[in-house]
Amino acid sequence: MKKQFLFIASGLCIGLSACTSQTTGAKTEGSAGSNQATAEEVWKDYFVGNILFEDKAPQSEGSRIYHSIIVDPQAYIAEQARTVLNTLYYSPADSIVPVNNLHYKLEDTDGVSAKGGGGGEIGIFYSTRHIEKSFANNDTAKVFFETRGVLLHELTHAYQLEPQGIGSYGTNKVFWAFIEGMADAVRVANGGFNGEEDRPKGGNYMDGYRRAGYFFVWLRDNKDPDFLRKFNRSTLEIIPWSFDEAIKLVLGKEYQIDALWQEYQVAMGDINS
C-alpha cells in the first residue's frame, strides 16, 4: 500500500509458487518496434536510489526467515526496482520519479508492508510477523514468492507517476484506484501472483488492487503491449486525469473504460455477453 496505509493480508496473494523475473524487451519511448535488450541491460546503470536496509527486529523468527532467503537485501531490492522500472517505463530517458534514498526496514509489527515518504526520500517497511505467517509449513518457496510480490507492489509506489488535477491518494477514489491498481498490475505482469488462481472475479476496476491490476495487464496483453507504460505516462499528459481520458489517449478515442471492463469480464468468463 501507499504511504501510511497498511495493506491487509486478505488483499494479498497468500498462496505462492516459484517466481520468475521479467525479461521483456524495452524500447525508447516513442520509437517504433522493440529491441531485444533485457531489463537488466536497459536499466543496469540507472540510479535506483541509495538502498538503506535496516533490520529493526533481528531477534524475530521473521527476520531469521528473511535473511535465509535474501542473502544480499540491497542487491535484491535493486534488482526488483529495475524490474519495476522496466514495467513502468521504456528507458532511463523517460520522465521518471526520482528516488534518492530508499529506506527498507524489517519491523516486528502488524500489517504486511507499506510505502511512505516522497520527494526522493522513500521508506518501506515489511512485517516480520507477515513473513512468519507466509512461512507456514516451512515452505521456503512460498515465503520467497510472497516477499518478492509484496516488494514489487511497494516499489511500484516508489517509482510510479501519479494522476494530476484530481486531489490526492487520500481524497480521491480515482487517484487511489489508479495507484493501487498499477501497483498490483506490475506485480501481476512480473509473475507476482498465481495467475488465474489469484484473479478476483466481479467487482470493478475502481476497486483498485488485483481487480484493477489484472484488468490492466489484460489490456496490455490484448490491446497494446505497451499499455502499462503508456498508462503510467498518461498522468503527465491528461490533466485533470481520468480513467476514460487516459484510455482514449493510450488506445484510441473509440475506446471507453467501462466498455473495456465489460469486454474483459466476458472474455474471462466472469459474466455472459
Protein backbone atom coordinates (compact mmCIF):
# COMPACT_ATOMS: atom_id res chain seq x y z
CA MET A 1 0.00 0.00 0.00
CA LYS A 2 0.92 3.55 -0.44
CA LYS A 3 2.10 5.93 2.27
CA GLN A 4 0.99 5.15 5.81
CA PHE A 5 -1.87 2.87 4.82
CA LEU A 6 -1.16 -0.80 5.54
CA PHE A 7 -2.45 -3.29 3.07
CA ILE A 8 -4.44 -6.09 4.56
CA ALA A 9 -3.46 -9.71 4.28
CA SER A 10 -6.82 -10.57 2.72
CA GLY A 11 -5.98 -8.29 -0.21
CA LEU A 12 -2.77 -10.10 -0.98
CA CYS A 13 -1.69 -13.32 -2.56
CA ILE A 14 -1.03 -15.76 0.25
CA GLY A 15 -0.76 -18.99 -1.75
CA LEU A 16 2.57 -18.98 -3.55
CA SER A 17 4.72 -20.80 -6.07
CA ALA A 18 8.00 -20.36 -7.91
CA CYS A 19 8.61 -16.85 -9.24
CA THR A 20 10.07 -15.52 -12.46
CA SER A 21 11.78 -12.27 -13.37
CA GLN A 22 10.65 -10.06 -16.21
CA THR A 23 12.96 -10.08 -19.21
CA THR A 24 10.67 -8.46 -21.76
CA GLY A 25 12.19 -6.22 -24.37
CA ALA A 26 12.33 -2.49 -23.75
CA LYS A 27 12.35 0.34 -26.24
CA THR A 28 12.94 4.05 -26.26
CA GLU A 29 9.76 5.99 -25.70
CA GLY A 30 8.01 6.88 -28.93
CA SER A 31 10.19 4.67 -31.14
CA ALA A 32 8.79 2.02 -33.44
CA GLY A 33 9.37 -1.62 -32.63
CA SER A 34 11.27 -3.15 -29.73
CA ASN A 35 14.89 -4.13 -29.41
CA GLN A 36 15.89 -7.31 -27.68
CA ALA A 37 17.52 -5.70 -24.67
CA THR A 38 16.54 -7.15 -21.34
CA ALA A 39 15.50 -5.16 -18.30
CA GLU A 40 18.92 -5.77 -16.76
CA GLU A 41 20.71 -4.39 -19.83
CA VAL A 42 18.49 -1.32 -20.21
CA TRP A 43 18.48 -0.35 -16.53
CA LYS A 44 21.82 -1.63 -15.22
CA ASP A 45 23.34 1.86 -14.99
CA TYR A 46 20.22 3.63 -13.77
CA PHE A 47 20.43 5.04 -10.25
CA VAL A 48 17.53 3.42 -8.37
CA GLY A 49 18.45 5.29 -5.18
CA ASN A 50 20.69 4.54 -2.25
CA ILE A 51 19.15 1.43 -0.71
CA LEU A 52 19.41 1.63 3.05
CA PHE A 53 18.41 -1.68 4.62
CA GLU A 54 17.68 -1.88 8.33
CA ASP A 55 16.56 -4.89 10.33
CA LYS A 56 14.68 -3.49 13.34
CA ALA A 57 13.61 -6.93 14.55
CA PRO A 58 16.80 -9.03 14.40
CA GLN A 59 15.64 -11.38 17.18
CA SER A 60 12.36 -12.26 15.45
CA GLU A 61 11.68 -15.50 13.63
CA GLY A 62 10.55 -13.47 10.61
CA SER A 63 13.95 -11.81 10.45
CA ARG A 64 15.71 -15.16 10.53
CA ILE A 65 13.50 -16.44 7.71
CA TYR A 66 14.03 -13.30 5.63
CA HIS A 67 17.81 -13.47 5.85
CA SER A 68 17.76 -17.16 5.00
CA ILE A 69 16.12 -16.43 1.63
CA ILE A 70 17.51 -12.95 0.87
CA VAL A 71 21.27 -13.08 1.32
CA ASP A 72 22.01 -9.57 -0.01
CA PRO A 73 18.96 -7.35 0.60
CA GLN A 74 20.38 -4.24 -1.09
CA ALA A 75 21.23 -6.11 -4.29
CA TYR A 76 17.91 -7.94 -4.28
CA ILE A 77 15.86 -4.76 -3.78
CA ALA A 78 17.83 -3.02 -6.56
CA GLU A 79 17.15 -5.94 -8.90
CA GLN A 80 13.41 -5.78 -8.26
CA ALA A 81 13.48 -1.98 -8.60
CA ARG A 82 14.86 -2.37 -12.12
CA THR A 83 12.12 -4.86 -12.91
CA VAL A 84 9.53 -2.31 -11.78
CA LEU A 85 11.15 0.47 -13.77
CA ASN A 86 11.21 -1.69 -16.89
CA THR A 87 7.49 -2.36 -16.48
CA LEU A 88 6.51 1.29 -15.97
CA TYR A 89 8.90 2.99 -18.41
CA TYR A 90 10.56 2.44 -21.78
CA SER A 91 14.06 3.57 -20.82
CA PRO A 92 16.05 5.76 -18.43
CA ALA A 93 15.44 8.65 -20.86
CA ASP A 94 11.77 8.83 -19.80
CA SER A 95 10.34 11.22 -17.21
CA ILE A 96 10.85 9.08 -14.11
CA VAL A 97 10.05 9.82 -10.49
CA PRO A 98 13.47 10.31 -8.83
CA VAL A 99 14.36 8.24 -5.77
CA ASN A 100 17.44 9.42 -3.91
CA ASN A 101 17.25 7.23 -0.82
CA LEU A 102 15.14 4.14 -0.30
CA HIS A 103 14.92 3.11 3.36
CA TYR A 104 13.78 -0.52 3.62
CA LYS A 105 13.07 -1.85 7.11
CA LEU A 106 12.07 -5.13 8.64
CA GLU A 107 9.75 -4.40 11.57
CA ASP A 108 8.03 -6.56 14.17
CA THR A 109 4.56 -5.09 13.60
CA ASP A 110 1.09 -5.94 12.37
CA GLY A 111 0.07 -5.46 8.74
CA VAL A 112 2.11 -6.53 5.76
CA SER A 113 4.06 -3.70 4.16
CA ALA A 114 3.68 -0.03 3.29
CA LYS A 115 5.45 2.74 1.44
CA GLY A 116 5.82 6.23 2.86
CA GLY A 117 7.67 9.41 2.09
CA GLY A 118 8.19 11.37 -1.09
CA GLY A 119 10.41 13.99 -2.67
CA GLY A 120 13.08 11.41 -3.35
CA GLU A 121 13.11 10.06 0.22
CA ILE A 122 11.18 6.77 0.32
CA GLY A 123 10.53 4.44 3.22
CA ILE A 124 9.17 0.89 3.01
CA PHE A 125 8.58 -1.45 5.92
CA TYR A 126 7.98 -5.20 5.73
CA SER A 127 6.42 -7.02 8.67
CA THR A 128 8.39 -9.90 10.18
CA ARG A 129 5.07 -11.20 11.54
CA HIS A 130 3.75 -11.48 7.99
CA ILE A 131 6.94 -13.28 6.96
CA GLU A 132 6.32 -15.83 9.72
CA LYS A 133 2.73 -16.33 8.54
CA SER A 134 3.92 -16.80 4.96
CA PHE A 135 6.35 -19.47 6.16
CA ALA A 136 3.54 -21.82 7.19
CA ASN A 137 4.55 -25.47 6.78
CA ASN A 138 8.18 -24.37 6.41
CA ASP A 139 7.56 -23.56 2.73
CA THR A 140 10.59 -21.52 1.68
CA ALA A 141 9.37 -21.11 -1.90
CA LYS A 142 6.09 -19.71 -0.63
CA VAL A 143 7.65 -17.05 1.57
CA PHE A 144 10.15 -16.08 -1.15
CA PHE A 145 7.33 -15.71 -3.67
CA GLU A 146 5.30 -13.56 -1.28
CA THR A 147 8.29 -11.43 -0.33
CA ARG A 148 9.04 -10.68 -3.97
CA GLY A 149 5.40 -9.94 -4.81
CA VAL A 150 4.96 -7.54 -1.89
CA LEU A 151 8.24 -5.83 -2.79
CA LEU A 152 7.17 -5.33 -6.42
CA HIS A 153 3.95 -3.70 -5.22
CA GLU A 154 5.67 -1.30 -2.82
CA LEU A 155 8.48 -0.41 -5.23
CA THR A 156 5.87 0.50 -7.82
CA HIS A 157 4.62 3.13 -5.38
CA ALA A 158 8.15 4.49 -5.18
CA TYR A 159 8.63 4.90 -8.94
CA GLN A 160 5.17 5.28 -10.50
CA LEU A 161 3.75 8.57 -11.77
CA GLU A 162 0.63 9.97 -10.11
CA PRO A 163 -2.58 11.49 -11.51
CA GLN A 164 -2.71 15.27 -11.53
CA GLY A 165 -5.52 17.72 -11.01
CA ILE A 166 -7.84 15.39 -9.09
CA GLY A 167 -6.77 15.58 -5.50
CA SER A 168 -4.67 13.00 -3.71
CA TYR A 169 -4.42 9.37 -2.65
CA GLY A 170 -6.43 10.02 0.48
CA THR A 171 -9.05 12.34 -1.03
CA ASN A 172 -9.94 10.95 -4.45
CA LYS A 173 -11.13 7.40 -5.28
CA VAL A 174 -9.95 7.61 -8.92
CA PHE A 175 -6.46 8.61 -7.78
CA TRP A 176 -6.42 5.77 -5.24
CA ALA A 177 -7.72 3.15 -7.71
CA PHE A 178 -5.07 4.08 -10.27
CA ILE A 179 -2.22 3.97 -7.73
CA GLU A 180 -3.15 0.65 -6.15
CA GLY A 181 -4.30 -0.88 -9.44
CA MET A 182 -0.99 -0.11 -11.13
CA ALA A 183 0.99 -1.47 -8.18
CA ASP A 184 -0.77 -4.81 -8.44
CA ALA A 185 -0.60 -4.68 -12.25
CA VAL A 186 3.19 -4.54 -12.01
CA ARG A 187 3.06 -7.47 -9.61
CA VAL A 188 0.78 -9.44 -11.96
CA ALA A 189 2.90 -8.58 -15.00
CA ASN A 190 6.02 -9.95 -13.34
CA GLY A 191 4.66 -13.23 -12.04
CA GLY A 192 3.98 -11.97 -8.53
CA PHE A 193 0.59 -13.67 -8.23
CA ASN A 194 -0.58 -17.19 -9.02
CA GLY A 195 -2.23 -16.38 -12.33
CA GLU A 196 -5.93 -17.12 -12.64
CA GLU A 197 -5.99 -18.62 -9.16
CA ASP A 198 -5.42 -15.17 -7.63
CA ARG A 199 -7.53 -13.15 -10.07
CA PRO A 200 -10.62 -11.81 -8.27
CA LYS A 201 -13.92 -12.06 -10.12
CA GLY A 202 -16.64 -9.45 -10.21
CA GLY A 203 -16.29 -6.02 -8.69
CA ASN A 204 -14.97 -3.10 -10.70
CA TYR A 205 -11.66 -1.55 -11.74
CA MET A 206 -12.44 1.22 -9.24
CA ASP A 207 -11.80 -1.37 -6.51
CA GLY A 208 -8.08 -0.98 -7.26
CA TYR A 209 -5.56 -3.63 -6.23
CA ARG A 210 -5.89 -7.01 -8.01
CA ARG A 211 -9.24 -6.24 -9.67
CA ALA A 212 -7.73 -3.29 -11.47
CA GLY A 213 -4.28 -4.88 -11.76
CA TYR A 214 -5.39 -8.00 -13.61
CA PHE A 215 -7.60 -5.83 -15.84
CA PHE A 216 -4.71 -3.52 -16.73
CA VAL A 217 -2.50 -6.49 -17.62
CA TRP A 218 -5.33 -7.93 -19.75
CA LEU A 219 -5.39 -4.61 -21.63
CA ARG A 220 -1.64 -4.93 -22.13
CA ASP A 221 -1.98 -8.49 -23.41
CA ASN A 222 -4.98 -7.87 -25.65
CA LYS A 223 -4.94 -4.22 -26.71
CA ASP A 224 -1.42 -2.76 -26.57
CA PRO A 225 1.78 -4.47 -25.39
CA ASP A 226 2.99 -1.14 -24.01
CA PHE A 227 -0.26 -0.36 -22.21
CA LEU A 228 1.23 -0.20 -18.71
CA ARG A 229 3.98 2.19 -19.77
CA LYS A 230 1.61 4.42 -21.71
CA PHE A 231 -0.99 4.35 -18.95
CA ASN A 232 1.64 5.37 -16.40
CA ARG A 233 2.79 8.23 -18.64
CA SER A 234 -0.79 9.40 -19.26
CA THR A 235 -0.67 11.09 -15.85
CA LEU A 236 1.72 13.64 -17.38
CA GLU A 237 -0.48 14.25 -20.41
CA ILE A 238 -4.07 14.20 -19.11
CA ILE A 239 -4.81 16.95 -16.59
CA PRO A 240 -7.18 16.62 -14.83
CA TRP A 241 -6.62 12.89 -15.13
CA SER A 242 -9.45 10.39 -15.57
CA PHE A 243 -9.61 6.71 -16.49
CA ASP A 244 -11.65 7.35 -19.60
CA GLU A 245 -9.49 10.14 -20.99
CA ALA A 246 -6.34 8.12 -20.29
CA ILE A 247 -7.82 5.10 -22.09
CA LYS A 248 -8.67 7.25 -25.10
CA LEU A 249 -5.15 8.66 -25.16
CA VAL A 250 -3.49 5.25 -24.88
CA LEU A 251 -5.77 3.06 -27.02
CA GLY A 252 -7.77 5.45 -29.18
CA LYS A 253 -10.80 7.71 -28.97
CA GLU A 254 -13.15 4.86 -29.85
CA TYR A 255 -12.42 3.12 -26.52
CA GLN A 256 -14.23 3.64 -23.25
CA ILE A 257 -13.13 2.29 -19.87
CA ASP A 258 -16.46 0.80 -18.78
CA ALA A 259 -16.96 -0.92 -22.14
CA LEU A 260 -13.46 -2.40 -21.87
CA TRP A 261 -14.21 -3.62 -18.36
CA GLN A 262 -17.32 -5.34 -19.73
CA GLU A 263 -15.30 -6.89 -22.56
CA TYR A 264 -12.69 -8.10 -20.07
CA GLN A 265 -15.28 -9.75 -17.82
CA VAL A 266 -16.89 -11.51 -20.80
CA ALA A 267 -13.51 -12.63 -22.14
CA MET A 268 -12.54 -14.07 -18.75
CA GLY A 269 -15.86 -15.87 -18.38
CA ASP A 270 -16.91 -13.86 -15.33
CA ILE A 271 -20.17 -12.75 -16.97
CA ASN A 272 -22.17 -13.68 -20.06
CA SER A 273 -22.09 -11.39 -23.06
